C-alpha cells in the first residue's frame, strides 16, 4: 500500500472519529456541571469499548506515535 493511500485512510478515520467524539462530548455536556468530568470520562471509555471505534482509535494513536503526519493530524 502506498504512503498516500495510508494517509488518506488515516484522514478518513480521523474525520469519522471526529463526529463520534463530538457526539460523545456533546452528550457529556448535557448533564450537570458538577458531573462534567465524570460524564466526559464515561463517554471516552464508552468509545474505547465500542468494538467498531476502538480499532480506529488504536490506529490513529499508533499513527500519531509513529509518524509526524499522524501527530499533525492529532493536533
Protein backbone atom coordinates (compact mmCIF):
# COMPACT_ATOMS: atom_id res chain seq x y z
CA UNK A 1 0.00 0.00 0.00
CA UNK A 2 1.37 3.41 -0.87
CA UNK A 3 2.05 6.10 1.69
CA UNK A 4 -0.55 8.38 0.08
CA UNK A 5 -3.27 5.75 0.46
CA UNK A 6 -2.33 5.18 4.10
CA UNK A 7 -2.50 8.91 4.81
CA UNK A 8 -5.89 9.15 3.07
CA UNK A 9 -7.21 6.22 5.12
CA UNK A 10 -5.95 7.79 8.35
CA UNK A 11 -7.57 11.09 7.40
CA UNK A 12 -10.89 9.35 6.75
CA UNK A 13 -10.65 7.56 10.09
CA UNK A 14 -9.92 10.83 11.89
CA UNK A 15 -12.89 12.51 10.18
CA UNK A 16 -15.20 9.65 11.14
CA UNK A 17 -13.97 9.62 14.71
CA UNK A 18 -14.26 13.39 14.93
CA UNK A 19 -18.02 13.08 14.54
CA UNK A 20 -18.28 10.24 17.04
CA UNK A 21 -16.11 12.04 19.57
CA UNK A 22 -18.07 15.25 19.05
CA UNK A 23 -21.33 13.45 19.76
CA UNK A 24 -19.87 11.88 22.90
CA UNK A 25 -18.59 15.26 24.06
CA UNK A 26 -21.95 16.89 23.45
CA UNK A 27 -23.66 14.16 25.44
CA UNK A 28 -21.20 14.72 28.30
CA UNK A 29 -22.07 18.44 28.34
CA UNK A 30 -25.80 17.80 28.72
CA UNK A 31 -25.60 16.84 32.39
CA UNK A 32 -24.98 18.93 35.48
CA UNK A 33 -21.72 20.89 35.54
CA UNK A 34 -20.64 19.11 38.72
CA UNK A 35 -20.63 15.83 36.78
CA UNK A 36 -18.86 17.10 33.64
CA UNK A 37 -15.57 15.27 34.30
CA UNK A 38 -17.35 12.04 35.13
CA UNK A 39 -19.57 12.33 32.06
CA UNK A 40 -16.61 13.07 29.78
CA UNK A 41 -14.67 10.07 31.12
CA UNK A 42 -17.69 7.81 30.76
CA UNK A 43 -18.10 8.95 27.14
CA UNK A 44 -14.39 8.36 26.44
CA UNK A 45 -14.48 4.88 27.97
CA UNK A 46 -17.66 4.04 26.07
CA UNK A 47 -15.91 4.96 22.81
CA UNK A 48 -12.85 2.92 23.78
CA UNK A 49 -15.02 -0.12 24.50
CA UNK A 50 -17.00 0.16 21.25
CA UNK A 51 -15.77 -2.71 19.03
CA UNK A 52 -16.20 -0.61 15.88
CA UNK A 53 -14.48 2.51 17.20
CA UNK A 54 -11.63 1.03 19.27
CA UNK A 55 -9.56 -0.27 16.31
CA UNK A 56 -9.81 3.17 14.69
CA UNK A 57 -8.71 4.88 17.90
CA UNK A 58 -5.79 2.48 18.21
CA UNK A 59 -4.81 3.08 14.58
CA UNK A 60 -4.86 6.84 15.00
CA UNK A 61 -2.93 6.62 18.25
CA UNK A 62 -0.35 4.37 16.61
CA UNK A 63 -0.01 6.74 13.64
CA UNK A 64 0.44 9.70 15.98
CA UNK A 65 3.19 7.91 17.87
CA UNK A 66 4.96 6.54 14.80
CA UNK A 67 4.82 9.36 12.26
CA UNK A 68 4.97 13.12 12.06
CA UNK A 69 1.94 13.15 9.71
CA UNK A 70 -0.10 11.21 12.26
CA UNK A 71 0.98 13.52 15.05
CA UNK A 72 -0.03 16.53 12.94
CA UNK A 73 -3.49 15.05 12.38
CA UNK A 74 -3.95 14.62 16.12
CA UNK A 75 -3.08 18.26 16.75
